[in-house]
Amino acid sequence: MTVQGDRDLLVQAFANLLENAERHTPEGTVIRVALVSAGTSACFVVRDNGPGVPSADLPRITQRFTRVESSRKTPGYGLGLSLVDAVAKLHRGRLVLRNEGPGFSATVELPRHADRASEDARSTDALALEH
């Protein structure tokens, strides 16, 4: 799968998602990373089986300096997801956040490079990490 964009910004966005998953889930949580091709989109997915995010906080966690109550004891300034959201939008994509019950998923959907959009309509590569 190929997307066009700023490599440094995309790497930073993906790193932020991985760091958030590791930082805001309890020990023993399984974190899964997948790259999914869905039609004309390339989706980078980080999903865990942790406690998720309180439903009331979900709509606002991409706002700058927003931290949910349960994360106030961990390092950070509440900028990670706002940066990921901004990078996705800059690349004509979007950030989709969902409680999975159990767990939480963050998906960056980006348009695939036009020359590569005719590849498999749907394919998945995945990696699982446990901390």
Protein backbone atom coordinates (compact mmCIF):
# COMPACT_ATOMS: atom_id res chain seq x y z
CA MET A 1 0.00 0.00 0.00
CA THR A 2 1.25 3.46 -0.82
CA VAL A 3 0.14 6.88 0.40
CA GLN A 4 1.58 10.24 -0.53
CA GLY A 5 2.53 12.58 2.25
CA ASP A 6 5.08 13.96 4.61
CA ARG A 7 6.99 10.95 5.93
CA ASP A 8 8.11 12.67 9.14
CA LEU A 9 4.61 13.84 10.05
CA LEU A 10 3.08 10.44 9.33
CA VAL A 11 5.75 8.62 11.35
CA GLN A 12 5.18 11.04 14.25
CA ALA A 13 1.41 10.50 14.09
CA PHE A 14 1.79 6.71 14.10
CA ALA A 15 4.32 6.90 16.94
CA ASN A 16 1.88 9.02 18.97
CA LEU A 17 -0.85 6.39 18.56
CA LEU A 18 1.49 3.60 19.68
CA GLU A 19 2.79 5.63 22.64
CA ASN A 20 -0.77 6.47 23.72
CA ALA A 21 -1.78 2.81 23.60
CA GLU A 22 1.24 1.79 25.68
CA ARG A 23 0.98 4.69 28.13
CA HIS A 24 -2.76 4.63 28.80
CA THR A 25 -3.42 0.91 29.21
CA PRO A 26 -2.68 -1.35 32.16
CA GLU A 27 0.13 -3.89 32.29
CA GLY A 28 -0.76 -7.04 30.34
CA THR A 29 -2.84 -5.24 27.73
CA VAL A 30 -2.49 -6.56 24.19
CA ILE A 31 -1.91 -3.83 21.59
CA ARG A 32 -2.53 -4.76 17.96
CA VAL A 33 -1.24 -2.79 15.01
CA ALA A 34 -2.63 -3.34 11.53
CA LEU A 35 -2.30 -1.81 8.10
CA VAL A 36 -5.55 -2.37 6.21
CA SER A 37 -6.34 -1.64 2.59
CA ALA A 38 -10.03 -0.73 2.23
CA GLY A 39 -10.97 0.33 -1.29
CA THR A 40 -9.16 3.59 -2.00
CA SER A 41 -8.03 4.04 1.63
CA ALA A 42 -5.01 2.86 3.57
CA CYS A 43 -5.84 2.49 7.26
CA PHE A 44 -3.29 2.38 10.08
CA VAL A 45 -5.06 0.82 13.08
CA VAL A 46 -3.92 0.64 16.71
CA ARG A 47 -6.29 -1.38 18.89
CA ASP A 48 -5.99 -2.60 22.47
CA ASN A 49 -8.04 -4.68 24.88
CA GLY A 50 -7.70 -2.19 27.73
CA PRO A 51 -10.41 -0.19 29.52
CA GLY A 52 -11.14 2.22 26.67
CA VAL A 53 -12.09 5.89 27.05
CA PRO A 54 -15.15 7.13 28.94
CA SER A 55 -17.89 7.69 26.35
CA ALA A 56 -18.44 11.27 27.53
CA ASP A 57 -14.77 12.08 26.78
CA LEU A 58 -14.62 10.49 23.32
CA PRO A 59 -15.88 13.51 21.31
CA ARG A 60 -13.32 15.88 22.85
CA ILE A 61 -10.10 13.86 23.13
CA THR A 62 -8.74 15.22 19.84
CA GLN A 63 -8.88 18.77 21.19
CA ARG A 64 -5.52 20.24 22.17
CA PHE A 65 -4.55 19.95 25.85
CA THR A 66 -7.42 17.55 26.59
CA ARG A 67 -6.70 14.76 29.04
CA VAL A 68 -9.25 12.38 30.45
CA GLU A 69 -9.34 12.03 34.22
CA SER A 70 -7.81 8.53 34.22
CA SER A 71 -4.72 9.76 32.33
CA ARG A 72 -3.86 12.71 34.54
CA LYS A 73 -1.29 10.66 36.48
CA THR A 74 0.71 9.79 33.35
CA PRO A 75 3.16 12.08 31.57
CA GLY A 76 1.89 14.21 28.72
CA TYR A 77 0.18 17.45 27.76
CA GLY A 78 -2.88 16.24 25.88
CA LEU A 79 -1.46 17.03 22.44
CA GLY A 80 -0.90 13.57 20.96
CA LEU A 81 -4.33 12.84 19.49
CA SER A 82 -4.80 16.44 18.34
CA LEU A 83 -1.54 16.13 16.41
CA VAL A 84 -2.62 12.80 14.89
CA ASP A 85 -5.97 14.32 13.89
CA ALA A 86 -4.25 17.34 12.29
CA VAL A 87 -1.79 15.15 10.36
CA ALA A 88 -4.62 12.96 9.07
CA LYS A 89 -6.58 16.01 7.89
CA LEU A 90 -3.48 17.53 6.28
CA HIS A 91 -3.19 14.34 4.20
CA ARG A 92 -6.88 14.42 3.20
CA GLY A 93 -7.66 11.68 5.69
CA ARG A 94 -9.31 11.30 9.06
CA LEU A 95 -8.79 9.91 12.54
CA VAL A 96 -11.50 7.54 13.78
CA LEU A 97 -11.62 6.73 17.51
CA ARG A 98 -13.85 4.00 18.95
CA ASN A 99 -14.46 2.15 22.17
CA GLU A 100 -14.44 -1.52 21.23
CA GLY A 101 -15.76 -3.05 24.46
CA PRO A 102 -13.31 -4.22 25.63
CA GLY A 103 -10.63 -1.93 24.40
CA PHE A 104 -10.12 1.10 22.24
CA SER A 105 -9.13 1.62 18.62
CA ALA A 106 -7.57 4.53 16.78
CA THR A 107 -7.59 4.40 12.99
CA VAL A 108 -5.89 6.83 10.63
CA GLU A 109 -7.60 6.56 7.24
CA LEU A 110 -5.59 8.04 4.36
CA PRO A 111 -6.25 8.07 0.62
CA ARG A 112 -4.07 5.57 -1.19
CA HIS A 113 -1.71 6.74 -3.89
CA ALA A 114 -3.71 6.88 -7.15
CA ASP A 115 -1.25 4.63 -9.00
CA ARG A 116 -1.69 1.95 -6.33
CA ALA A 117 -5.45 2.23 -5.63
CA SER A 118 -6.26 -0.73 -7.89
CA GLU A 119 -4.42 -3.21 -5.63
CA ASP A 120 -6.47 -5.69 -3.62
CA ALA A 121 -9.76 -4.13 -2.57
CA ARG A 122 -9.20 -5.44 0.96
CA SER A 123 -6.06 -6.81 2.60
CA THR A 124 -4.65 -6.78 6.11
CA ASP A 125 -1.21 -7.05 7.67
CA ALA A 126 -1.10 -7.15 11.47
CA LEU A 127 1.35 -7.15 14.36
CA ALA A 128 0.44 -7.77 18.00
CA LEU A 129 2.41 -6.35 20.93
CA GLU A 130 1.91 -6.99 24.64
CA HIS A 131 3.20 -4.82 27.45
